[in-house]
Amino acid sequence: MTFVQAIPNLTLNAAKREVEGYFNLARKLKNTKFVERVNDDMLFLLIYMAAISTADIERDRIFDYAGRQKEYDASKYFRQIHILASKWGYEYAKACKYTSQRLKDVYLSKFFEKK
């Protein structure tokens, strides 16, 4: 086999390894508990919210942007809070408390609950 003939085989093998790696990662993420994924997501979302808040934007836009981050499972809670506050006229504190009451996870419920 010449060098020119070996190149397609090398790229095909590399592509196979990448696809197998993707499925292994997807399988690991699927087996990870929802609570563990959400805990990590909350950390990233809070850092994201802190970073965009330095731009001196309104609270509703911060919650809106955090709720639009589809790659994080926890973003749906921020989206729900934003909708309750902007569309239904709730105050953000009450929207957070209402959302916390509907959550099954104790960690997230305590996080969103207003003390």
PDB file of N, CA and C in Angstrom:
ATOM      1  N   MET A   1       0.844  -1.164   0.000  1.00  0.00           N
ATOM      2  CA  MET A   1       0.000   0.000   0.000  1.00  0.00           C
ATOM      3  C   MET A   1       0.899   1.239   0.000  1.00  0.00           C
ATOM      4  N   THR A   2       0.620   2.122  -0.900  1.00  0.00           N
ATOM      5  CA  THR A   2       1.409   3.349  -0.993  1.00  0.00           C
ATOM      6  C   THR A   2       0.873   4.389  -0.012  1.00  0.00           C
ATOM      7  N   PHE A   3       1.632   5.469   0.110  1.00  0.00           N
ATOM      8  CA  PHE A   3       1.233   6.547   1.018  1.00  0.00           C
ATOM      9  C   PHE A   3      -0.088   7.163   0.586  1.00  0.00           C
ATOM     10  N   VAL A   4      -0.298   7.334  -0.705  1.00  0.00           N
ATOM     11  CA  VAL A   4      -1.529   7.937  -1.217  1.00  0.00           C
ATOM     12  C   VAL A   4      -2.728   7.031  -0.931  1.00  0.00           C
ATOM     13  N   GLN A   5      -2.544   5.733  -0.993  1.00  0.00           N
ATOM     14  CA  GLN A   5      -3.627   4.803  -0.705  1.00  0.00           C
ATOM     15  C   GLN A   5      -3.933   4.741   0.794  1.00  0.00           C
ATOM     16  N   ALA A   6      -2.955   5.014   1.630  1.00  0.00           N
ATOM     17  CA  ALA A   6      -3.136   4.924   3.084  1.00  0.00           C
ATOM     18  C   ALA A   6      -3.870   6.136   3.652  1.00  0.00           C
ATOM     19  N   ILE A   7      -3.810   7.279   2.976  1.00  0.00           N
ATOM     20  CA  ILE A   7      -4.428   8.508   3.505  1.00  0.00           C
ATOM     21  C   ILE A   7      -5.933   8.361   3.690  1.00  0.00           C
ATOM     22  N   PRO A   8      -6.691   7.850   2.724  1.00  0.00           N
ATOM     23  CA  PRO A   8      -8.134   7.694   2.980  1.00  0.00           C
ATOM     24  C   PRO A   8      -8.434   6.780   4.162  1.00  0.00           C
ATOM     25  N   ASN A   9      -7.624   5.713   4.334  1.00  0.00           N
ATOM     26  CA  ASN A   9      -7.836   4.807   5.464  1.00  0.00           C
ATOM     27  C   ASN A   9      -7.561   5.510   6.795  1.00  0.00           C
ATOM     28  N   LEU A  10      -6.525   6.366   6.819  1.00  0.00           N
ATOM     29  CA  LEU A  10      -6.209   7.091   8.054  1.00  0.00           C
ATOM     30  C   LEU A  10      -7.332   8.057   8.424  1.00  0.00           C
ATOM     31  N   THR A  11      -7.854   8.788   7.441  1.00  0.00           N
ATOM     32  CA  THR A  11      -8.925   9.732   7.730  1.00  0.00           C
ATOM     33  C   THR A  11     -10.209   8.994   8.109  1.00  0.00           C
ATOM     34  N   LEU A  12     -10.450   7.848   7.497  1.00  0.00           N
ATOM     35  CA  LEU A  12     -11.627   7.060   7.844  1.00  0.00           C
ATOM     36  C   LEU A  12     -11.508   6.529   9.272  1.00  0.00           C
ATOM     37  N   ASN A  13     -10.336   6.041   9.642  1.00  0.00           N
ATOM     38  CA  ASN A  13     -10.141   5.553  11.008  1.00  0.00           C
ATOM     39  C   ASN A  13     -10.266   6.689  12.022  1.00  0.00           C
ATOM     40  N   ALA A  14      -9.746   7.859  11.690  1.00  0.00           N
ATOM     41  CA  ALA A  14      -9.869   9.008  12.597  1.00  0.00           C
ATOM     42  C   ALA A  14     -11.332   9.408  12.756  1.00  0.00           C
ATOM     43  N   ALA A  15     -12.080   9.386  11.670  1.00  0.00           N
ATOM     44  CA  ALA A  15     -13.500   9.718  11.736  1.00  0.00           C
ATOM     45  C   ALA A  15     -14.254   8.699  12.588  1.00  0.00           C
ATOM     46  N   LYS A  16     -13.904   7.431  12.454  1.00  0.00           N
ATOM     47  CA  LYS A  16     -14.547   6.393  13.265  1.00  0.00           C
ATOM     48  C   LYS A  16     -14.273   6.617  14.748  1.00  0.00           C
ATOM     49  N   ARG A  17     -13.021   6.961  15.082  1.00  0.00           N
ATOM     50  CA  ARG A  17     -12.681   7.205  16.488  1.00  0.00           C
ATOM     51  C   ARG A  17     -13.438   8.410  17.037  1.00  0.00           C
ATOM     52  N   GLU A  18     -13.584   9.459  16.222  1.00  0.00           N
ATOM     53  CA  GLU A  18     -14.318  10.639  16.679  1.00  0.00           C
ATOM     54  C   GLU A  18     -15.787  10.319  16.930  1.00  0.00           C
ATOM     55  N   VAL A  19     -16.385   9.550  16.026  1.00  0.00           N
ATOM     56  CA  VAL A  19     -17.793   9.180  16.192  1.00  0.00           C
ATOM     57  C   VAL A  19     -17.964   8.292  17.421  1.00  0.00           C
ATOM     58  N   GLU A  20     -17.066   7.322  17.596  1.00  0.00           N
ATOM     59  CA  GLU A  20     -17.139   6.457  18.767  1.00  0.00           C
ATOM     60  C   GLU A  20     -16.946   7.266  20.046  1.00  0.00           C
ATOM     61  N   GLY A  21     -16.041   8.228  20.026  1.00  0.00           N
ATOM     62  CA  GLY A  21     -15.829   9.089  21.188  1.00  0.00           C
ATOM     63  C   GLY A  21     -17.057   9.909  21.502  1.00  0.00           C
ATOM     64  N   TYR A  22     -17.730  10.405  20.480  1.00  0.00           N
ATOM     65  CA  TYR A  22     -18.960  11.175  20.679  1.00  0.00           C
ATOM     66  C   TYR A  22     -20.031  10.317  21.337  1.00  0.00           C
ATOM     67  N   PHE A  23     -20.217   9.100  20.848  1.00  0.00           N
ATOM     68  CA  PHE A  23     -21.239   8.228  21.420  1.00  0.00           C
ATOM     69  C   PHE A  23     -20.879   7.787  22.839  1.00  0.00           C
ATOM     70  N   ASN A  24     -19.589   7.603  23.115  1.00  0.00           N
ATOM     71  CA  ASN A  24     -19.187   7.274  24.477  1.00  0.00           C
ATOM     72  C   ASN A  24     -19.494   8.434  25.423  1.00  0.00           C
ATOM     73  N   LEU A  25     -19.223   9.661  24.975  1.00  0.00           N
ATOM     74  CA  LEU A  25     -19.523  10.836  25.781  1.00  0.00           C
ATOM     75  C   LEU A  25     -21.033  10.983  25.978  1.00  0.00           C
ATOM     76  N   ALA A  26     -21.795  10.783  24.909  1.00  0.00           N
ATOM     77  CA  ALA A  26     -23.251  10.874  25.011  1.00  0.00           C
ATOM     78  C   ALA A  26     -23.793   9.814  25.973  1.00  0.00           C
ATOM     79  N   ARG A  27     -23.232   8.629  25.938  1.00  0.00           N
ATOM     80  CA  ARG A  27     -23.655   7.553  26.837  1.00  0.00           C
ATOM     81  C   ARG A  27     -23.323   7.915  28.289  1.00  0.00           C
ATOM     82  N   LYS A  28     -22.140   8.490  28.524  1.00  0.00           N
ATOM     83  CA  LYS A  28     -21.768   8.894  29.883  1.00  0.00           C
ATOM     84  C   LYS A  28     -22.684   9.996  30.388  1.00  0.00           C
ATOM     85  N   LEU A  29     -23.004  10.967  29.532  1.00  0.00           N
ATOM     86  CA  LEU A  29     -23.890  12.045  29.943  1.00  0.00           C
ATOM     87  C   LEU A  29     -25.292  11.537  30.229  1.00  0.00           C
ATOM     88  N   LYS A  30     -25.735  10.562  29.452  1.00  0.00           N
ATOM     89  CA  LYS A  30     -27.066  10.001  29.667  1.00  0.00           C
ATOM     90  C   LYS A  30     -27.126   9.262  30.993  1.00  0.00           C
ATOM     91  N   ASN A  31     -26.029   8.602  31.362  1.00  0.00           N
ATOM     92  CA  ASN A  31     -25.989   7.859  32.608  1.00  0.00           C
ATOM     93  C   ASN A  31     -25.763   8.762  33.823  1.00  0.00           C
ATOM     94  N   THR A  32     -25.329   9.999  33.592  1.00  0.00           N
ATOM     95  CA  THR A  32     -25.130  10.939  34.690  1.00  0.00           C
ATOM     96  C   THR A  32     -26.491  11.349  35.228  1.00  0.00           C
ATOM     97  N   LYS A  33     -26.581  11.443  36.522  1.00  0.00           N
ATOM     98  CA  LYS A  33     -27.844  11.823  37.141  1.00  0.00           C
ATOM     99  C   LYS A  33     -28.206  13.240  36.763  1.00  0.00           C
ATOM    100  N   PHE A  34     -29.506  13.487  36.652  1.00  0.00           N
ATOM    101  CA  PHE A  34     -30.001  14.813  36.298  1.00  0.00           C
ATOM    102  C   PHE A  34     -29.541  15.852  37.317  1.00  0.00           C
ATOM    103  N   VAL A  35     -29.530  15.487  38.578  1.00  0.00           N
ATOM    104  CA  VAL A  35     -29.142  16.417  39.637  1.00  0.00           C
ATOM    105  C   VAL A  35     -27.694  16.848  39.469  1.00  0.00           C
ATOM    106  N   GLU A  36     -26.814  15.921  39.118  1.00  0.00           N
ATOM    107  CA  GLU A  36     -25.406  16.260  38.918  1.00  0.00           C
ATOM    108  C   GLU A  36     -25.236  17.197  37.733  1.00  0.00           C
ATOM    109  N   ARG A  37     -25.969  16.952  36.659  1.00  0.00           N
ATOM    110  CA  ARG A  37     -25.870  17.833  35.489  1.00  0.00           C
ATOM    111  C   ARG A  37     -26.384  19.223  35.816  1.00  0.00           C
ATOM    112  N   VAL A  38     -27.499  19.307  36.552  1.00  0.00           N
ATOM    113  CA  VAL A  38     -28.086  20.596  36.880  1.00  0.00           C
ATOM    114  C   VAL A  38     -27.183  21.370  37.829  1.00  0.00           C
ATOM    115  N   ASN A  39     -26.532  20.693  38.768  1.00  0.00           N
ATOM    116  CA  ASN A  39     -25.623  21.378  39.675  1.00  0.00           C
ATOM    117  C   ASN A  39     -24.490  22.047  38.906  1.00  0.00           C
ATOM    118  N   ASP A  40     -23.925  21.343  37.947  1.00  0.00           N
ATOM    119  CA  ASP A  40     -22.883  21.943  37.114  1.00  0.00           C
ATOM    120  C   ASP A  40     -23.444  23.074  36.262  1.00  0.00           C
ATOM    121  N   ASP A  41     -24.632  22.856  35.729  1.00  0.00           N
ATOM    122  CA  ASP A  41     -25.264  23.893  34.902  1.00  0.00           C
ATOM    123  C   ASP A  41     -25.512  25.163  35.691  1.00  0.00           C
ATOM    124  N   MET A  42     -25.929  25.019  36.933  1.00  0.00           N
ATOM    125  CA  MET A  42     -26.192  26.197  37.757  1.00  0.00           C
ATOM    126  C   MET A  42     -24.919  27.009  37.964  1.00  0.00           C
ATOM    127  N   LEU A  43     -23.811  26.334  38.171  1.00  0.00           N
ATOM    128  CA  LEU A  43     -22.546  27.041  38.326  1.00  0.00           C
ATOM    129  C   LEU A  43     -22.230  27.844  37.074  1.00  0.00           C
ATOM    130  N   PHE A  44     -22.334  27.222  35.912  1.00  0.00           N
ATOM    131  CA  PHE A  44     -22.031  27.913  34.663  1.00  0.00           C
ATOM    132  C   PHE A  44     -23.023  29.042  34.391  1.00  0.00           C
ATOM    133  N   LEU A  45     -24.289  28.809  34.670  1.00  0.00           N
ATOM    134  CA  LEU A  45     -25.285  29.851  34.435  1.00  0.00           C
ATOM    135  C   LEU A  45     -25.096  31.042  35.371  1.00  0.00           C
ATOM    136  N   LEU A  46     -24.747  30.794  36.619  1.00  0.00           N
ATOM    137  CA  LEU A  46     -24.517  31.901  37.542  1.00  0.00           C
ATOM    138  C   LEU A  46     -23.282  32.709  37.151  1.00  0.00           C
ATOM    139  N   ILE A  47     -22.255  32.032  36.692  1.00  0.00           N
ATOM    140  CA  ILE A  47     -21.074  32.747  36.197  1.00  0.00           C
ATOM    141  C   ILE A  47     -21.439  33.557  34.959  1.00  0.00           C
ATOM    142  N   TYR A  48     -22.234  32.972  34.078  1.00  0.00           N
ATOM    143  CA  TYR A  48     -22.687  33.676  32.882  1.00  0.00           C
ATOM    144  C   TYR A  48     -23.497  34.909  33.260  1.00  0.00           C
ATOM    145  N   MET A  49     -24.418  34.743  34.210  1.00  0.00           N
ATOM    146  CA  MET A  49     -25.250  35.873  34.629  1.00  0.00           C
ATOM    147  C   MET A  49     -24.403  36.964  35.288  1.00  0.00           C
ATOM    148  N   ALA A  50     -23.423  36.564  36.075  1.00  0.00           N
ATOM    149  CA  ALA A  50     -22.544  37.552  36.702  1.00  0.00           C
ATOM    150  C   ALA A  50     -21.729  38.294  35.647  1.00  0.00           C
ATOM    151  N   ALA A  51     -21.295  37.572  34.634  1.00  0.00           N
ATOM    152  CA  ALA A  51     -20.496  38.207  33.584  1.00  0.00           C
ATOM    153  C   ALA A  51     -21.320  39.212  32.779  1.00  0.00           C
ATOM    154  N   ILE A  52     -22.538  38.844  32.397  1.00  0.00           N
ATOM    155  CA  ILE A  52     -23.330  39.776  31.597  1.00  0.00           C
ATOM    156  C   ILE A  52     -23.897  40.907  32.434  1.00  0.00           C
ATOM    157  N   SER A  53     -23.971  40.713  33.749  1.00  0.00           N
ATOM    158  CA  SER A  53     -24.461  41.803  34.592  1.00  0.00           C
ATOM    159  C   SER A  53     -23.451  42.940  34.678  1.00  0.00           C
ATOM    160  N   THR A  54     -22.198  42.673  34.371  1.00  0.00           N
ATOM    161  CA  THR A  54     -21.201  43.741  34.375  1.00  0.00           C
ATOM    162  C   THR A  54     -21.426  44.727  33.239  1.00  0.00           C
ATOM    163  N   ALA A  55     -22.257  44.344  32.273  1.00  0.00           N
ATOM    164  CA  ALA A  55     -22.578  45.246  31.160  1.00  0.00           C
ATOM    165  C   ALA A  55     -23.659  46.246  31.549  1.00  0.00           C
ATOM    166  N   ASP A  56     -24.077  46.215  32.816  1.00  0.00           N
ATOM    167  CA  ASP A  56     -25.076  47.140  33.349  1.00  0.00           C
ATOM    168  C   ASP A  56     -26.382  47.065  32.560  1.00  0.00           C
ATOM    169  N   ILE A  57     -26.913  45.831  32.433  1.00  0.00           N
ATOM    170  CA  ILE A  57     -28.192  45.639  31.756  1.00  0.00           C
ATOM    171  C   ILE A  57     -29.261  45.333  32.796  1.00  0.00           C
ATOM    172  N   GLU A  58     -30.509  45.410  32.391  1.00  0.00           N
ATOM    173  CA  GLU A  58     -31.628  45.208  33.300  1.00  0.00           C
ATOM    174  C   GLU A  58     -31.738  43.744  33.729  1.00  0.00           C
ATOM    175  N   ARG A  59     -32.398  43.550  34.851  1.00  0.00           N
ATOM    176  CA  ARG A  59     -32.573  42.208  35.405  1.00  0.00           C
ATOM    177  C   ARG A  59     -33.357  41.313  34.461  1.00  0.00           C
ATOM    178  N   ASP A  60     -34.389  41.859  33.822  1.00  0.00           N
ATOM    179  CA  ASP A  60     -35.189  41.005  32.938  1.00  0.00           C
ATOM    180  C   ASP A  60     -34.379  40.494  31.762  1.00  0.00           C
ATOM    181  N   ARG A  61     -33.450  41.279  31.261  1.00  0.00           N
ATOM    182  CA  ARG A  61     -32.599  40.802  30.161  1.00  0.00           C
ATOM    183  C   ARG A  61     -31.605  39.758  30.636  1.00  0.00           C
ATOM    184  N   ILE A  62     -31.122  39.887  31.869  1.00  0.00           N
ATOM    185  CA  ILE A  62     -30.205  38.883  32.412  1.00  0.00           C
ATOM    186  C   ILE A  62     -30.914  37.536  32.516  1.00  0.00           C
ATOM    187  N   PHE A  63     -32.128  37.534  33.063  1.00  0.00           N
ATOM    188  CA  PHE A  63     -32.884  36.282  33.166  1.00  0.00           C
ATOM    189  C   PHE A  63     -33.282  35.761  31.785  1.00  0.00           C
ATOM    190  N   ASP A  64     -33.578  36.666  30.878  1.00  0.00           N
ATOM    191  CA  ASP A  64     -33.930  36.256  29.519  1.00  0.00           C
ATOM    192  C   ASP A  64     -32.753  35.578  28.838  1.00  0.00           C
ATOM    193  N   TYR A  65     -31.584  36.183  28.923  1.00  0.00           N
ATOM    194  CA  TYR A  65     -30.391  35.587  28.306  1.00  0.00           C
ATOM    195  C   TYR A  65     -30.026  34.256  28.962  1.00  0.00           C
ATOM    196  N   ALA A  66     -30.147  34.183  30.283  1.00  0.00           N
ATOM    197  CA  ALA A  66     -29.840  32.921  30.973  1.00  0.00           C
ATOM    198  C   ALA A  66     -30.850  31.836  30.583  1.00  0.00           C
ATOM    199  N   GLY A  67     -32.093  32.222  30.369  1.00  0.00           N
ATOM    200  CA  GLY A  67     -33.113  31.254  29.970  1.00  0.00           C
ATOM    201  C   GLY A  67     -32.976  30.775  28.544  1.00  0.00           C
ATOM    202  N   ARG A  68     -32.249  31.500  27.739  1.00  0.00           N
ATOM    203  CA  ARG A  68     -32.058  31.110  26.338  1.00  0.00           C
ATOM    204  C   ARG A  68     -30.884  30.171  26.121  1.00  0.00           C
ATOM    205  N   GLN A  69     -30.125  29.871  27.126  1.00  0.00           N
ATOM    206  CA  GLN A  69     -28.957  28.998  26.997  1.00  0.00           C
ATOM    207  C   GLN A  69     -29.420  27.545  26.943  1.00  0.00           C
ATOM    208  N   LYS A  70     -29.697  27.047  25.767  1.00  0.00           N
ATOM    209  CA  LYS A  70     -30.296  25.714  25.590  1.00  0.00           C
ATOM    210  C   LYS A  70     -29.355  24.569  25.959  1.00  0.00           C
ATOM    211  N   GLU A  71     -28.058  24.828  26.004  1.00  0.00           N
ATOM    212  CA  GLU A  71     -27.130  23.745  26.300  1.00  0.00           C
ATOM    213  C   GLU A  71     -27.127  23.356  27.777  1.00  0.00           C
ATOM    214  N   TYR A  72     -27.786  24.139  28.612  1.00  0.00           N
ATOM    215  CA  TYR A  72     -27.851  23.852  30.041  1.00  0.00           C
ATOM    216  C   TYR A  72     -29.276  23.441  30.421  1.00  0.00           C
ATOM    217  N   ASP A  73     -29.386  22.359  31.184  1.00  0.00           N
ATOM    218  CA  ASP A  73     -30.695  21.883  31.611  1.00  0.00           C
ATOM    219  C   ASP A  73     -31.369  22.864  32.567  1.00  0.00           C
ATOM    220  N   ALA A  74     -30.588  23.553  33.359  1.00  0.00           N
ATOM    221  CA  ALA A  74     -31.146  24.465  34.367  1.00  0.00           C
ATOM    222  C   ALA A  74     -31.658  25.769  33.769  1.00  0.00           C
ATOM    223  N   SER A  75     -31.365  26.036  32.511  1.00  0.00           N
ATOM    224  CA  SER A  75     -31.798  27.299  31.911  1.00  0.00           C
ATOM    225  C   SER A  75     -33.318  27.400  31.821  1.00  0.00           C
ATOM    226  N   LYS A  76     -34.001  26.264  31.793  1.00  0.00           N
ATOM    227  CA  LYS A  76     -35.462  26.311  31.695  1.00  0.00           C
ATOM    228  C   LYS A  76     -36.087  26.945  32.930  1.00  0.00           C
ATOM    229  N   TYR A  77     -35.431  26.835  34.078  1.00  0.00           N
ATOM    230  CA  TYR A  77     -35.964  27.455  35.287  1.00  0.00           C
ATOM    231  C   TYR A  77     -35.838  28.978  35.217  1.00  0.00           C
ATOM    232  N   PHE A  78     -34.720  29.441  34.692  1.00  0.00           N
ATOM    233  CA  PHE A  78     -34.550  30.886  34.527  1.00  0.00           C
ATOM    234  C   PHE A  78     -35.513  31.423  33.479  1.00  0.00           C
ATOM    235  N   ARG A  79     -35.794  30.625  32.466  1.00  0.00           N
ATOM    236  CA  ARG A  79     -36.761  31.020  31.445  1.00  0.00           C
ATOM    237  C   ARG A  79     -38.161  31.130  32.063  1.00  0.00           C
ATOM    238  N   GLN A  80     -38.503  30.165  32.903  1.00  0.00           N
ATOM    239  CA  GLN A  80     -39.802  30.182  33.555  1.00  0.00           C
ATOM    240  C   GLN A  80     -39.931  31.407  34.465  1.00  0.00           C
ATOM    241  N   ILE A  81     -38.887  31.717  35.198  1.00  0.00           N
ATOM    242  CA  ILE A  81     -38.904  32.898  36.070  1.00  0.00           C
ATOM    243  C   ILE A  81     -39.050  34.161  35.239  1.00  0.00           C
ATOM    244  N   HIS A  82     -38.341  34.230  34.131  1.00  0.00           N
ATOM    245  CA  HIS A  82     -38.431  35.406  33.261  1.00  0.00           C
ATOM    246  C   HIS A  82     -39.846  35.577  32.702  1.00  0.00           C
ATOM    247  N   ILE A  83     -40.459  34.490  32.290  1.00  0.00           N
ATOM    248  CA  ILE A  83     -41.821  34.563  31.741  1.00  0.00           C
ATOM    249  C   ILE A  83     -42.810  34.989  32.826  1.00  0.00           C
ATOM    250  N   LEU A  84     -42.675  34.427  34.024  1.00  0.00           N
ATOM    251  CA  LEU A  84     -43.568  34.827  35.113  1.00  0.00           C
ATOM    252  C   LEU A  84     -43.428  36.318  35.424  1.00  0.00           C
ATOM    253  N   ALA A  85     -42.210  36.813  35.388  1.00  0.00           N
ATOM    254  CA  ALA A  85     -41.988  38.216  35.744  1.00  0.00           C
ATOM    255  C   ALA A  85     -42.351  39.170  34.606  1.00  0.00           C
ATOM    256  N   SER A  86     -41.968  38.847  33.392  1.00  0.00           N
ATOM    257  CA  SER A  86     -42.174  39.797  32.292  1.00  0.00           C
ATOM    258  C   SER A  86     -43.568  39.713  31.677  1.00  0.00           C
ATOM    259  N   LYS A  87     -44.087  38.519  31.537  1.00  0.00           N
ATOM    260  CA  LYS A  87     -45.378  38.361  30.864  1.00  0.00           C
ATOM    261  C   LYS A  87     -46.563  38.361  31.836  1.00  0.00           C
ATOM    262  N   TRP A  88     -46.366  37.808  33.027  1.00  0.00           N
ATOM    263  CA  TRP A  88     -47.463  37.666  33.967  1.00  0.00           C
ATOM    264  C   TRP A  88     -47.441  38.710  35.077  1.00  0.00           C
ATOM    265  N   GLY A  89     -46.415  39.530  35.122  1.00  0.00           N
ATOM    266  CA  GLY A  89     -46.374  40.632  36.063  1.00  0.00           C
ATOM    267  C   GLY A  89     -45.942  40.297  37.474  1.00  0.00           C
ATOM    268  N   TYR A  90     -45.378  39.102  37.685  1.00  0.00           N
ATOM    269  CA  TYR A  90     -44.863  38.756  38.997  1.00  0.00           C
ATOM    270  C   TYR A  90     -43.589  39.556  39.268  1.00  0.00           C
ATOM    271  N   GLU A  91     -43.295  39.810  40.537  1.00  0.00           N
ATOM    272  CA  GLU A  91     -41.986  40.331  40.903  1.00  0.00           C
ATOM    273  C   GLU A  91     -41.004  39.172  40.800  1.00  0.00           C
ATOM    274  N   TYR A  92     -39.733  39.478  40.569  1.00  0.00           N
ATOM    275  CA  TYR A  92     -38.753  38.400  40.395  1.00  0.00           C
ATOM    276  C   TYR A  92     -38.622  37.548  41.651  1.00  0.00           C
ATOM    277  N   ALA A  93     -38.710  38.150  42.823  1.00  0.00           N
ATOM    278  CA  ALA A  93     -38.614  37.376  44.065  1.00  0.00           C
ATOM    279  C   ALA A  93     -39.771  36.391  44.177  1.00  0.00           C
ATOM    280  N   LYS A  94     -40.968  36.836  43.837  1.00  0.00           N
ATOM    281  CA  LYS A  94     -42.129  35.940  43.906  1.00  0.00           C
ATOM    282  C   LYS A  94     -42.074  34.882  42.806  1.00  0.00           C
ATOM    283  N   ALA A  95     -41.571  35.248  41.646  1.00  0.00           N
ATOM    284  CA  ALA A  95     -41.428  34.269  40.562  1.00  0.00           C
ATOM    285  C   ALA A  95     -40.425  33.190  40.944  1.00  0.00           C
ATOM    286  N   CYS A  96     -39.345  33.580  41.598  1.00  0.00           N
ATOM    287  CA  CYS A  96     -38.356  32.604  42.067  1.00  0.00           C
ATOM    288  C   CYS A  96     -38.965  31.687  43.126  1.00  0.00           C
ATOM    289  N   LYS A  97     -39.720  32.266  44.046  1.00  0.00           N
ATOM    290  CA  LYS A  97     -40.339  31.468  45.106  1.00  0.00           C
ATOM    291  C   LYS A  97     -41.361  30.494  44.524  1.00  0.00           C
ATOM    292  N   TYR A  98     -42.175  30.957  43.566  1.00  0.00           N
ATOM    293  CA  TYR A  98     -43.168  30.088  42.933  1.00  0.00           C
ATOM    294  C   TYR A  98     -42.481  28.944  42.186  1.00  0.00           C
ATOM    295  N   THR A  99     -41.409  29.265  41.492  1.00  0.00           N
ATOM    296  CA  THR A  99     -40.663  28.232  40.765  1.00  0.00           C
ATOM    297  C   THR A  99     -40.044  27.240  41.743  1.00  0.00           C
ATOM    298  N   SER A 100     -39.534  27.731  42.862  1.00  0.00           N
ATOM    299  CA  SER A 100     -38.907  26.832  43.840  1.00  0.00           C
ATOM    300  C   SER A 100     -39.924  25.859  44.438  1.00  0.00           C
ATOM    301  N   GLN A 101     -41.154  26.295  44.589  1.00  0.00           N
ATOM    302  CA  GLN A 101     -42.176  25.422  45.157  1.00  0.00           C
ATOM    303  C   GLN A 101     -42.554  24.290  44.212  1.00  0.00           C
ATOM    304  N   ARG A 102     -42.359  24.484  42.939  1.00  0.00           N
ATOM    305  CA  ARG A 102     -42.741  23.464  41.963  1.00  0.00           C
ATOM    306  C   ARG A 102     -41.611  22.486  41.645  1.00  0.00           C
ATOM    307  N   LEU A 103     -40.401  22.761  42.133  1.00  0.00           N
ATOM    308  CA  LEU A 103     -39.253  21.904  41.837  1.00  0.00           C
ATOM    309  C   LEU A 103     -39.211  20.713  42.780  1.00  0.00           C
ATOM    310  N   LYS A 104     -38.835  19.561  42.250  1.00  0.00           N
ATOM    311  CA  LYS A 104     -38.720  18.357  43.057  1.00  0.00           C
ATOM    312  C   LYS A 104     -37.350  18.243  43.714  1.00  0.00           C
ATOM    313  N   ASP A 105     -36.341  18.808  43.077  1.00  0.00           N
ATOM    314  CA  ASP A 105     -34.980  18.737  43.604  1.00  0.00           C
ATOM    315  C   ASP A 105     -34.824  19.705  44.776  1.00  0.00           C
ATOM    316  N   VAL A 106     -34.381  19.207  45.909  1.00  0.00           N
ATOM    317  CA  VAL A 106     -34.261  20.010  47.125  1.00  0.00           C
ATOM    318  C   VAL A 106     -33.216  21.108  46.952  1.00  0.00           C
ATOM    319  N   TYR A 107     -32.096  20.772  46.321  1.00  0.00           N
ATOM    320  CA  TYR A 107     -31.023  21.747  46.123  1.00  0.00           C
ATOM    321  C   TYR A 107     -31.521  22.940  45.307  1.00  0.00           C
ATOM    322  N   LEU A 108     -32.158  22.678  44.193  1.00  0.00           N
ATOM    323  CA  LEU A 108     -32.653  23.765  43.343  1.00  0.00           C
ATOM    324  C   LEU A 108     -33.790  24.514  44.017  1.00  0.00           C
ATOM    325  N   SER A 109     -34.613  23.802  44.728  1.00  0.00           N
ATOM    326  CA  SER A 109     -35.723  24.445  45.413  1.00  0.00           C
ATOM    327  C   SER A 109     -35.215  25.441  46.453  1.00  0.00           C
ATOM    328  N   LYS A 110     -34.206  25.054  47.213  1.00  0.00           N
ATOM    329  CA  LYS A 110     -33.626  25.958  48.197  1.00  0.00           C
ATOM    330  C   LYS A 110     -32.890  27.107  47.529  1.00  0.00           C
ATOM    331  N   PHE A 111     -32.301  26.849  46.376  1.00  0.00           N
ATOM    332  CA  PHE A 111     -31.576  27.895  45.668  1.00  0.00           C
ATOM    333  C   PHE A 111     -32.524  29.011  45.221  1.00  0.00           C
ATOM    334  N   PHE A 112     -33.643  28.651  44.644  1.00  0.00           N
ATOM    335  CA  PHE A 112     -34.570  29.646  44.118  1.00  0.00           C
ATOM    336  C   PHE A 112     -35.496  30.239  45.180  1.00  0.00           C
ATOM    337  N   GLU A 113     -35.568  29.598  46.333  1.00  0.00           N
ATOM    338  CA  GLU A 113     -36.460  30.064  47.385  1.00  0.00           C
ATOM    339  C   GLU A 113     -35.898  31.323  48.033  1.00  0.00           C
ATOM    340  N   LYS A 114     -36.766  32.267  48.260  1.00  0.00           N
ATOM    341  CA  LYS A 114     -36.350  33.522  48.910  1.00  0.00           C
ATOM    342  C   LYS A 114     -36.457  33.331  50.412  1.00  0.00           C
ATOM    343  N   LYS A 115     -35.402  33.645  51.093  1.00  0.00           N
ATOM    344  CA  LYS A 115     -35.386  33.541  52.557  1.00  0.00           C
ATOM    345  C   LYS A 115     -35.674  34.883  53.165  1.00  0.00           C
TER     346      LYS A 115
END
